Amino acid sequence: MQLSKNLRRTAAITLVFLVVGAGWTVVAEPIWSQFEHGYGEIEGKRQLLARYTAIAARHAIAREKSDRANARLAGGALLDSGSETLASADLQKKLKALASQRRASLRSANRLANRERNGNTYVGIRIQLNGSLEAIHTTIYGIENGSPFMFINAAQLNAGQSRRATPDAGQPMIDARLDVYVPILAGAP
């Protein structure tokens, strides 16, 4: 049986398309799929690398902060007196020197109950100062920014009752009551 020429052409073209389609399905599509899968995997690895890079950067920053904190600790950021009573006496001595350097007078100092926070022991002293506004201001600044770390937990400031002349002309006299705490090194009995 002889097929017409047009029918044979149509059959040949259809056969070529079927072979090309089968070849695409069997050979080219799996290769294309592998490329797409590989690109997706590469993108996932890039995102993972970006996360690891960010973690490494944070680790470097944390290491730097830790090194700075350790340097401050080695430089006397915590009070190391051996006992809470000696720490209290050392704190009183430091506060008295700090106040006198800033032209404020320390009128009294009383020990406060120790505080525990985050596993640290804090020794406290309530001090009463008087002096010019500038002297009290610089004393408070010195307490908060000094070494060892000192924290003002409570403060009460009043206009001074004294009528005596101040060394800083024009500055009002201030009476201040401050509760100051300092952390002590672990292991101090």
N, C-alpha and C. Protein backbone atom coordinates (compact mmCIF):
# COMPACT_ATOMS: atom_id res chain seq x y z
N MET A 1 0.83 -1.15 0.00
CA MET A 1 0.00 0.00 0.00
C MET A 1 0.89 1.24 0.00
N GLN A 2 0.63 2.05 -0.91
CA GLN A 2 1.42 3.22 -1.20
C GLN A 2 0.70 4.43 -0.61
N LEU A 3 1.41 5.19 0.24
CA LEU A 3 0.83 6.39 0.84
C LEU A 3 1.15 7.58 -0.03
N SER A 4 0.30 8.50 -0.01
CA SER A 4 0.53 9.68 -0.82
C SER A 4 1.73 10.47 -0.30
N LYS A 5 2.29 11.22 -1.17
CA LYS A 5 3.48 11.99 -0.85
C LYS A 5 3.23 12.95 0.30
N ASN A 6 2.13 13.62 0.35
CA ASN A 6 1.80 14.56 1.45
C ASN A 6 1.65 13.82 2.77
N LEU A 7 1.06 12.67 2.70
CA LEU A 7 0.87 11.89 3.91
C LEU A 7 2.21 11.40 4.44
N ARG A 8 3.10 11.02 3.52
CA ARG A 8 4.43 10.58 3.93
C ARG A 8 5.20 11.74 4.56
N ARG A 9 5.09 12.93 3.97
CA ARG A 9 5.77 14.11 4.53
C ARG A 9 5.24 14.41 5.93
N THR A 10 3.94 14.34 6.04
CA THR A 10 3.33 14.63 7.34
C THR A 10 3.78 13.59 8.36
N ALA A 11 3.83 12.34 7.94
CA ALA A 11 4.26 11.29 8.85
C ALA A 11 5.74 11.48 9.22
N ALA A 12 6.56 11.87 8.25
CA ALA A 12 7.99 12.07 8.51
C ALA A 12 8.20 13.25 9.46
N ILE A 13 7.47 14.31 9.24
CA ILE A 13 7.59 15.49 10.12
C ILE A 13 7.11 15.14 11.52
N THR A 14 6.03 14.40 11.61
CA THR A 14 5.50 13.98 12.91
C THR A 14 6.51 13.08 13.61
N LEU A 15 7.13 12.18 12.85
CA LEU A 15 8.14 11.29 13.41
C LEU A 15 9.35 12.08 13.91
N VAL A 16 9.77 13.08 13.16
CA VAL A 16 10.89 13.93 13.59
C VAL A 16 10.53 14.65 14.88
N PHE A 17 9.34 15.20 14.94
CA PHE A 17 8.92 15.89 16.17
C PHE A 17 8.85 14.91 17.36
N LEU A 18 8.37 13.70 17.12
CA LEU A 18 8.32 12.72 18.18
C LEU A 18 9.72 12.34 18.65
N VAL A 19 10.66 12.19 17.73
CA VAL A 19 12.03 11.84 18.09
C VAL A 19 12.67 12.99 18.86
N VAL A 20 12.47 14.21 18.37
CA VAL A 20 13.02 15.38 19.07
C VAL A 20 12.37 15.51 20.45
N GLY A 21 11.08 15.31 20.54
CA GLY A 21 10.39 15.38 21.83
C GLY A 21 10.87 14.30 22.79
N ALA A 22 11.05 13.11 22.27
CA ALA A 22 11.55 12.01 23.11
C ALA A 22 12.98 12.29 23.53
N GLY A 23 13.77 12.80 22.60
CA GLY A 23 15.17 13.16 22.93
C GLY A 23 15.20 14.24 24.00
N TRP A 24 14.33 15.23 23.87
CA TRP A 24 14.25 16.29 24.90
C TRP A 24 13.87 15.71 26.24
N THR A 25 12.87 14.85 26.23
CA THR A 25 12.39 14.25 27.47
C THR A 25 13.44 13.33 28.09
N VAL A 26 14.14 12.58 27.29
CA VAL A 26 15.08 11.59 27.80
C VAL A 26 16.45 12.20 28.09
N VAL A 27 16.91 13.13 27.28
CA VAL A 27 18.28 13.63 27.42
C VAL A 27 18.31 15.08 27.93
N ALA A 28 17.73 15.98 27.22
CA ALA A 28 17.89 17.41 27.51
C ALA A 28 17.17 17.85 28.78
N GLU A 29 15.96 17.37 29.01
CA GLU A 29 15.21 17.80 30.18
C GLU A 29 15.89 17.40 31.50
N PRO A 30 16.41 16.17 31.63
CA PRO A 30 17.13 15.85 32.87
C PRO A 30 18.38 16.72 33.06
N ILE A 31 19.07 17.02 31.97
CA ILE A 31 20.25 17.88 32.08
C ILE A 31 19.81 19.28 32.50
N TRP A 32 18.78 19.81 31.88
CA TRP A 32 18.25 21.14 32.22
C TRP A 32 17.79 21.17 33.68
N SER A 33 17.13 20.10 34.09
CA SER A 33 16.65 20.00 35.46
C SER A 33 17.83 19.98 36.44
N GLN A 34 18.91 19.28 36.08
CA GLN A 34 20.10 19.26 36.94
C GLN A 34 20.70 20.66 37.06
N PHE A 35 20.74 21.41 35.95
CA PHE A 35 21.25 22.78 36.00
C PHE A 35 20.39 23.65 36.92
N GLU A 36 19.07 23.55 36.79
CA GLU A 36 18.19 24.33 37.64
C GLU A 36 18.37 23.94 39.11
N HIS A 37 18.47 22.64 39.36
CA HIS A 37 18.70 22.17 40.73
C HIS A 37 20.04 22.68 41.25
N GLY A 38 21.07 22.64 40.40
CA GLY A 38 22.39 23.14 40.78
C GLY A 38 22.37 24.63 41.08
N TYR A 39 21.65 25.41 40.27
CA TYR A 39 21.54 26.85 40.54
C TYR A 39 20.83 27.10 41.87
N GLY A 40 19.78 26.35 42.14
CA GLY A 40 19.07 26.50 43.41
C GLY A 40 19.96 26.13 44.58
N GLU A 41 20.76 25.07 44.41
CA GLU A 41 21.67 24.65 45.47
C GLU A 41 22.76 25.70 45.70
N ILE A 42 23.26 26.26 44.62
CA ILE A 42 24.28 27.33 44.74
C ILE A 42 23.70 28.53 45.47
N GLU A 43 22.48 28.91 45.15
CA GLU A 43 21.85 30.04 45.82
C GLU A 43 21.67 29.75 47.31
N GLY A 44 21.27 28.51 47.63
CA GLY A 44 21.15 28.12 49.03
C GLY A 44 22.49 28.20 49.75
N LYS A 45 23.56 27.77 49.08
CA LYS A 45 24.90 27.83 49.68
C LYS A 45 25.34 29.28 49.86
N ARG A 46 24.98 30.16 48.94
CA ARG A 46 25.31 31.59 49.08
C ARG A 46 24.61 32.18 50.30
N GLN A 47 23.35 31.84 50.48
CA GLN A 47 22.62 32.33 51.65
C GLN A 47 23.22 31.79 52.94
N LEU A 48 23.61 30.52 52.94
CA LEU A 48 24.25 29.93 54.10
C LEU A 48 25.59 30.61 54.39
N LEU A 49 26.36 30.88 53.33
CA LEU A 49 27.63 31.58 53.50
C LEU A 49 27.40 32.99 54.05
N ALA A 50 26.37 33.67 53.59
CA ALA A 50 26.06 35.02 54.11
C ALA A 50 25.71 34.95 55.60
N ARG A 51 24.94 33.92 56.00
CA ARG A 51 24.62 33.77 57.42
C ARG A 51 25.87 33.49 58.24
N TYR A 52 26.73 32.59 57.74
CA TYR A 52 27.97 32.27 58.46
C TYR A 52 28.89 33.50 58.55
N THR A 53 28.93 34.28 57.50
CA THR A 53 29.74 35.50 57.51
C THR A 53 29.21 36.48 58.54
N ALA A 54 27.89 36.61 58.63
CA ALA A 54 27.29 37.51 59.63
C ALA A 54 27.57 37.00 61.04
N ILE A 55 27.50 35.69 61.23
CA ILE A 55 27.80 35.12 62.55
C ILE A 55 29.26 35.36 62.91
N ALA A 56 30.15 35.17 61.94
CA ALA A 56 31.57 35.40 62.18
C ALA A 56 31.83 36.87 62.52
N ALA A 57 31.12 37.78 61.85
CA ALA A 57 31.29 39.21 62.15
C ALA A 57 30.80 39.50 63.56
N ARG A 58 29.65 38.94 63.94
CA ARG A 58 29.14 39.15 65.30
C ARG A 58 30.08 38.54 66.33
N HIS A 59 30.66 37.40 65.98
CA HIS A 59 31.60 36.75 66.90
C HIS A 59 32.83 37.64 67.11
N ALA A 60 33.31 38.25 66.04
CA ALA A 60 34.47 39.15 66.17
C ALA A 60 34.12 40.35 67.03
N ILE A 61 32.92 40.90 66.85
CA ILE A 61 32.49 42.05 67.66
C ILE A 61 32.34 41.62 69.12
N ALA A 62 31.74 40.46 69.34
CA ALA A 62 31.57 39.96 70.72
C ALA A 62 32.94 39.71 71.35
N ARG A 63 33.87 39.17 70.59
CA ARG A 63 35.22 38.92 71.11
C ARG A 63 35.89 40.24 71.51
N GLU A 64 35.72 41.25 70.65
CA GLU A 64 36.31 42.57 70.95
C GLU A 64 35.70 43.16 72.22
N LYS A 65 34.37 43.07 72.36
CA LYS A 65 33.72 43.59 73.56
C LYS A 65 34.17 42.81 74.79
N SER A 66 34.30 41.49 74.64
CA SER A 66 34.76 40.67 75.76
C SER A 66 36.18 41.04 76.16
N ASP A 67 37.04 41.27 75.17
CA ASP A 67 38.42 41.65 75.48
C ASP A 67 38.47 43.00 76.20
N ARG A 68 37.61 43.95 75.75
CA ARG A 68 37.57 45.25 76.42
C ARG A 68 37.06 45.11 77.85
N ALA A 69 36.04 44.28 78.04
CA ALA A 69 35.51 44.07 79.40
C ALA A 69 36.54 43.41 80.29
N ASN A 70 37.26 42.42 79.75
CA ASN A 70 38.30 41.77 80.53
C ASN A 70 39.42 42.74 80.89
N ALA A 71 39.75 43.63 79.96
CA ALA A 71 40.78 44.63 80.25
C ALA A 71 40.31 45.57 81.36
N ARG A 72 39.03 45.95 81.33
CA ARG A 72 38.51 46.81 82.40
C ARG A 72 38.49 46.08 83.73
N LEU A 73 38.15 44.79 83.70
CA LEU A 73 38.17 44.02 84.93
C LEU A 73 39.59 43.92 85.48
N ALA A 74 40.54 43.69 84.59
CA ALA A 74 41.93 43.62 85.03
C ALA A 74 42.40 44.98 85.53
N GLY A 75 41.80 46.04 85.03
CA GLY A 75 42.17 47.39 85.44
C GLY A 75 41.46 47.86 86.69
N GLY A 76 40.76 46.99 87.39
CA GLY A 76 40.13 47.35 88.65
C GLY A 76 38.69 47.79 88.54
N ALA A 77 37.95 47.24 87.58
CA ALA A 77 36.55 47.62 87.43
C ALA A 77 35.69 47.07 88.56
N LEU A 78 36.13 45.98 89.18
CA LEU A 78 35.43 45.44 90.34
C LEU A 78 36.29 45.68 91.56
N LEU A 79 35.65 45.84 92.68
CA LEU A 79 36.37 46.08 93.92
C LEU A 79 36.86 44.74 94.45
N ASP A 80 38.15 44.64 94.69
CA ASP A 80 38.75 43.40 95.18
C ASP A 80 39.36 43.70 96.54
N SER A 81 38.57 43.48 97.59
CA SER A 81 39.02 43.83 98.93
C SER A 81 39.16 42.63 99.85
N GLY A 82 38.73 41.49 99.43
CA GLY A 82 38.87 40.32 100.26
C GLY A 82 37.63 40.00 101.08
N SER A 83 36.90 40.99 101.53
CA SER A 83 35.66 40.74 102.28
C SER A 83 34.71 41.90 102.04
N GLU A 84 33.45 41.68 102.38
CA GLU A 84 32.44 42.71 102.18
C GLU A 84 32.68 43.92 103.09
N THR A 85 33.16 43.68 104.29
CA THR A 85 33.43 44.78 105.23
C THR A 85 34.58 45.64 104.72
N LEU A 86 35.64 44.98 104.24
CA LEU A 86 36.76 45.74 103.69
C LEU A 86 36.36 46.45 102.40
N ALA A 87 35.51 45.81 101.60
CA ALA A 87 35.03 46.44 100.37
C ALA A 87 34.24 47.69 100.70
N SER A 88 33.43 47.63 101.75
CA SER A 88 32.65 48.79 102.18
C SER A 88 33.58 49.92 102.63
N ALA A 89 34.62 49.57 103.37
CA ALA A 89 35.58 50.58 103.83
C ALA A 89 36.35 51.18 102.64
N ASP A 90 36.74 50.32 101.69
CA ASP A 90 37.43 50.82 100.50
C ASP A 90 36.54 51.75 99.69
N LEU A 91 35.27 51.37 99.56
CA LEU A 91 34.33 52.21 98.82
C LEU A 91 34.17 53.57 99.50
N GLN A 92 34.06 53.57 100.82
CA GLN A 92 33.93 54.82 101.55
C GLN A 92 35.17 55.69 101.33
N LYS A 93 36.34 55.08 101.37
CA LYS A 93 37.59 55.82 101.17
C LYS A 93 37.65 56.42 99.76
N LYS A 94 37.25 55.64 98.75
CA LYS A 94 37.25 56.12 97.36
C LYS A 94 36.26 57.27 97.18
N LEU A 95 35.07 57.14 97.79
CA LEU A 95 34.07 58.19 97.66
C LEU A 95 34.51 59.47 98.36
N LYS A 96 35.16 59.34 99.50
CA LYS A 96 35.65 60.52 100.22
C LYS A 96 36.71 61.25 99.39
N ALA A 97 37.64 60.48 98.81
CA ALA A 97 38.69 61.08 97.97
C ALA A 97 38.08 61.73 96.73
N LEU A 98 37.12 61.06 96.12
CA LEU A 98 36.46 61.59 94.92
C LEU A 98 35.74 62.89 95.23
N ALA A 99 35.02 62.95 96.35
CA ALA A 99 34.29 64.16 96.72
C ALA A 99 35.25 65.31 97.02
N SER A 100 36.33 65.01 97.74
CA SER A 100 37.26 66.10 98.09
C SER A 100 37.99 66.62 96.86
N GLN A 101 38.28 65.76 95.88
CA GLN A 101 38.91 66.22 94.64
C GLN A 101 38.00 67.17 93.87
N ARG A 102 36.72 67.03 94.05
CA ARG A 102 35.76 67.85 93.31
C ARG A 102 35.14 68.95 94.18
N ARG A 103 35.77 69.25 95.29
CA ARG A 103 35.39 70.34 96.20
C ARG A 103 34.00 70.16 96.80
N ALA A 104 33.63 68.92 97.05
CA ALA A 104 32.40 68.64 97.79
C ALA A 104 32.83 68.02 99.12
N SER A 105 32.04 68.21 100.14
CA SER A 105 32.42 67.62 101.43
C SER A 105 31.50 66.46 101.75
N LEU A 106 32.12 65.36 102.15
CA LEU A 106 31.39 64.16 102.54
C LEU A 106 31.09 64.29 104.03
N ARG A 107 29.81 64.46 104.36
CA ARG A 107 29.43 64.67 105.76
C ARG A 107 29.24 63.38 106.51
N SER A 108 28.69 62.35 105.84
CA SER A 108 28.52 61.07 106.52
C SER A 108 28.46 59.96 105.50
N ALA A 109 28.74 58.75 105.98
CA ALA A 109 28.68 57.56 105.14
C ALA A 109 28.19 56.41 106.01
N ASN A 110 27.17 55.71 105.55
CA ASN A 110 26.60 54.58 106.28
C ASN A 110 26.53 53.38 105.34
N ARG A 111 26.86 52.23 105.88
CA ARG A 111 26.83 51.01 105.08
C ARG A 111 25.38 50.59 104.86
N LEU A 112 25.09 50.17 103.63
CA LEU A 112 23.77 49.65 103.28
C LEU A 112 23.84 48.13 103.17
N ALA A 113 22.69 47.50 103.17
CA ALA A 113 22.64 46.04 103.02
C ALA A 113 23.16 45.67 101.63
N ASN A 114 23.88 44.57 101.57
CA ASN A 114 24.40 44.08 100.29
C ASN A 114 23.25 43.66 99.40
N ARG A 115 23.50 43.69 98.09
CA ARG A 115 22.49 43.25 97.12
C ARG A 115 23.11 42.17 96.24
N GLU A 116 22.27 41.26 95.85
CA GLU A 116 22.67 40.19 94.93
C GLU A 116 21.90 40.40 93.63
N ARG A 117 22.62 40.34 92.52
CA ARG A 117 21.96 40.46 91.22
C ARG A 117 22.78 39.71 90.18
N ASN A 118 22.14 38.82 89.46
CA ASN A 118 22.78 38.02 88.42
C ASN A 118 24.04 37.33 88.93
N GLY A 119 24.00 36.86 90.14
CA GLY A 119 25.14 36.15 90.69
C GLY A 119 26.26 37.04 91.20
N ASN A 120 26.08 38.35 91.18
CA ASN A 120 27.09 39.29 91.66
C ASN A 120 26.65 39.88 92.98
N THR A 121 27.62 40.16 93.84
CA THR A 121 27.34 40.81 95.11
C THR A 121 27.73 42.27 94.99
N TYR A 122 26.83 43.15 95.44
CA TYR A 122 27.06 44.59 95.41
C TYR A 122 27.07 45.10 96.84
N VAL A 123 28.14 45.81 97.19
CA VAL A 123 28.26 46.42 98.51
C VAL A 123 27.81 47.87 98.36
N GLY A 124 27.01 48.34 99.33
CA GLY A 124 26.46 49.68 99.22
C GLY A 124 26.80 50.59 100.38
N ILE A 125 26.87 51.89 100.06
CA ILE A 125 27.12 52.94 101.06
C ILE A 125 26.16 54.08 100.76
N ARG A 126 25.55 54.64 101.80
CA ARG A 126 24.75 55.86 101.65
C ARG A 126 25.64 57.01 102.12
N ILE A 127 25.86 57.96 101.22
CA ILE A 127 26.70 59.10 101.58
C ILE A 127 25.87 60.37 101.54
N GLN A 128 26.26 61.31 102.38
CA GLN A 128 25.64 62.63 102.37
C GLN A 128 26.74 63.64 102.07
N LEU A 129 26.50 64.40 101.01
CA LEU A 129 27.47 65.38 100.54
C LEU A 129 26.85 66.76 100.61
N ASN A 130 27.70 67.75 100.68
CA ASN A 130 27.23 69.10 100.40
C ASN A 130 28.33 69.84 99.67
N GLY A 131 27.90 70.80 98.88
CA GLY A 131 28.83 71.57 98.08
C GLY A 131 28.07 72.38 97.05
N SER A 132 28.83 73.04 96.20
CA SER A 132 28.18 73.83 95.15
C SER A 132 27.53 72.89 94.14
N LEU A 133 26.65 73.45 93.34
CA LEU A 133 25.97 72.66 92.32
C LEU A 133 26.99 71.98 91.41
N GLU A 134 28.01 72.73 91.00
CA GLU A 134 29.03 72.16 90.12
C GLU A 134 29.81 71.05 90.83
N ALA A 135 30.14 71.24 92.10
CA ALA A 135 30.89 70.22 92.84
C ALA A 135 30.08 68.94 92.97
N ILE A 136 28.80 69.05 93.26
CA ILE A 136 27.95 67.86 93.38
C ILE A 136 27.80 67.19 92.02
N HIS A 137 27.61 67.99 90.98
CA HIS A 137 27.47 67.45 89.63
C HIS A 137 28.72 66.68 89.21
N THR A 138 29.90 67.25 89.41
CA THR A 138 31.13 66.56 89.01
C THR A 138 31.41 65.35 89.89
N THR A 139 30.98 65.39 91.14
CA THR A 139 31.15 64.22 92.01
C THR A 139 30.27 63.07 91.53
N ILE A 140 29.03 63.37 91.21
CA ILE A 140 28.13 62.33 90.70
C ILE A 140 28.67 61.78 89.38
N TYR A 141 29.15 62.65 88.52
CA TYR A 141 29.74 62.21 87.25
C TYR A 141 30.94 61.30 87.51
N GLY A 142 31.78 61.66 88.45
CA GLY A 142 32.95 60.86 88.79
C GLY A 142 32.57 59.50 89.34
N ILE A 143 31.50 59.44 90.13
CA ILE A 143 31.04 58.16 90.67
C ILE A 143 30.57 57.26 89.53
N GLU A 144 29.75 57.78 88.66
CA GLU A 144 29.18 56.97 87.59
C GLU A 144 30.20 56.57 86.53
N ASN A 145 31.28 57.32 86.37
CA ASN A 145 32.25 57.03 85.31
C ASN A 145 33.59 56.55 85.84
N GLY A 146 33.68 56.32 87.14
CA GLY A 146 34.96 55.95 87.73
C GLY A 146 35.23 54.46 87.70
N SER A 147 36.37 54.13 88.22
CA SER A 147 36.76 52.75 88.37
C SER A 147 37.12 52.55 89.83
N PRO A 148 36.61 51.56 90.49
CA PRO A 148 35.77 50.47 90.02
C PRO A 148 34.38 50.96 89.63
N PHE A 149 33.63 50.08 88.98
CA PHE A 149 32.26 50.42 88.60
C PHE A 149 31.49 50.79 89.85
N MET A 150 30.90 51.98 89.86
CA MET A 150 30.05 52.40 90.97
C MET A 150 28.71 52.83 90.38
N PHE A 151 27.66 52.45 91.06
CA PHE A 151 26.31 52.73 90.57
C PHE A 151 25.54 53.48 91.64
N ILE A 152 24.92 54.57 91.22
CA ILE A 152 24.05 55.32 92.14
C ILE A 152 22.67 54.73 92.00
N ASN A 153 22.19 54.14 93.08
CA ASN A 153 20.90 53.47 93.07
C ASN A 153 19.77 54.43 93.45
N ALA A 154 20.07 55.38 94.30
CA ALA A 154 19.06 56.36 94.72
C ALA A 154 19.77 57.68 94.99
N ALA A 155 19.09 58.76 94.68
CA ALA A 155 19.67 60.08 94.91
C ALA A 155 18.59 61.04 95.38
N GLN A 156 18.96 61.87 96.32
CA GLN A 156 18.06 62.91 96.79
C GLN A 156 18.89 64.19 96.87
N LEU A 157 18.45 65.21 96.14
CA LEU A 157 19.15 66.49 96.11
C LEU A 157 18.24 67.57 96.67
N ASN A 158 18.78 68.39 97.55
CA ASN A 158 18.02 69.48 98.14
C ASN A 158 18.86 70.75 98.09
N ALA A 159 18.16 71.86 98.05
CA ALA A 159 18.88 73.13 98.16
C ALA A 159 19.50 73.18 99.54
N GLY A 160 20.76 73.58 99.60
CA GLY A 160 21.50 73.57 100.86
C GLY A 160 20.92 74.55 101.87
N GLN A 161 21.01 74.19 103.15
CA GLN A 161 20.53 75.04 104.23
C GLN A 161 21.61 76.02 104.67
N SER A 162 22.84 75.75 104.26
CA SER A 162 23.96 76.57 104.70
C SER A 162 23.96 77.92 103.99
N ARG A 163 24.25 78.97 104.74
CA ARG A 163 24.32 80.32 104.16
C ARG A 163 25.77 80.75 103.94
N ARG A 164 26.72 79.83 104.19
CA ARG A 164 28.12 80.23 104.07
C ARG A 164 28.48 80.45 102.61
N ALA A 165 29.53 81.20 102.40
CA ALA A 165 29.96 81.51 101.04
C ALA A 165 30.54 80.26 100.38
N THR A 166 30.24 80.09 99.11
CA THR A 166 30.77 78.93 98.38
C THR A 166 32.03 79.34 97.65
N PRO A 167 32.94 78.39 97.43
CA PRO A 167 34.14 78.72 96.68
C PRO A 167 33.82 79.11 95.24
N ASP A 168 32.74 78.58 94.71
CA ASP A 168 32.30 78.92 93.36
C ASP A 168 31.25 80.02 93.48
N ALA A 169 31.66 81.23 93.30
CA ALA A 169 30.76 82.36 93.47
C ALA A 169 29.54 82.21 92.57
N GLY A 170 28.39 82.46 93.14
CA GLY A 170 27.14 82.40 92.37
C GLY A 170 26.54 81.01 92.28
N GLN A 171 27.22 79.99 92.74
CA GLN A 171 26.70 78.63 92.69
C GLN A 171 25.89 78.36 93.96
N PRO A 172 24.68 77.83 93.82
CA PRO A 172 23.91 77.50 95.03
C PRO A 172 24.51 76.28 95.73
N MET A 173 24.30 76.22 97.03
CA MET A 173 24.74 75.07 97.81
C MET A 173 23.70 73.96 97.67
N ILE A 174 24.17 72.73 97.57
CA ILE A 174 23.31 71.56 97.41
C ILE A 174 23.67 70.54 98.48
N ASP A 175 22.64 69.97 99.10
CA ASP A 175 22.82 68.82 99.98
C ASP A 175 22.36 67.61 99.18
N ALA A 176 23.20 66.58 99.13
CA ALA A 176 22.88 65.39 98.34
C ALA A 176 23.01 64.15 99.21
N ARG A 177 22.07 63.24 99.02
CA ARG A 177 22.15 61.93 99.66
C ARG A 177 22.13 60.91 98.54
N LEU A 178 23.18 60.09 98.45
CA LEU A 178 23.33 59.12 97.37
C LEU A 178 23.53 57.72 97.94
N ASP A 179 22.85 56.75 97.36
CA ASP A 179 23.09 55.34 97.68
C ASP A 179 23.97 54.80 96.55
N VAL A 180 25.21 54.47 96.89
CA VAL A 180 26.19 54.04 95.90
C VAL A 180 26.51 52.57 96.13
N TYR A 181 26.46 51.79 95.06
CA TYR A 181 26.79 50.37 95.12
C TYR A 181 27.96 50.08 94.20
N VAL A 182 28.77 49.11 94.62
CA VAL A 182 29.91 48.68 93.82
C VAL A 182 29.93 47.15 93.83
N PRO A 183 30.17 46.53 92.65
CA PRO A 183 30.27 45.08 92.62
C PRO A 183 31.62 44.64 93.17
N ILE A 184 31.61 43.55 93.90
CA ILE A 184 32.88 43.02 94.41
C ILE A 184 33.21 41.75 93.67
N LEU A 185 34.48 41.44 93.62
CA LEU A 185 34.93 40.24 92.91
C LEU A 185 34.35 39.00 93.56
N ALA A 186 33.96 38.06 92.73
CA ALA A 186 33.44 36.78 93.24
C ALA A 186 34.53 36.11 94.04
N GLY A 187 34.14 35.48 95.08
CA GLY A 187 35.11 34.78 95.91
C GLY A 187 35.48 35.58 97.14
N ALA A 188 35.07 36.85 97.20
CA ALA A 188 35.30 37.62 98.41
C ALA A 188 34.31 37.11 99.44
N PRO A 189 34.79 36.68 100.62
CA PRO A 189 33.86 36.10 101.60
C PRO A 189 32.86 37.08 102.14
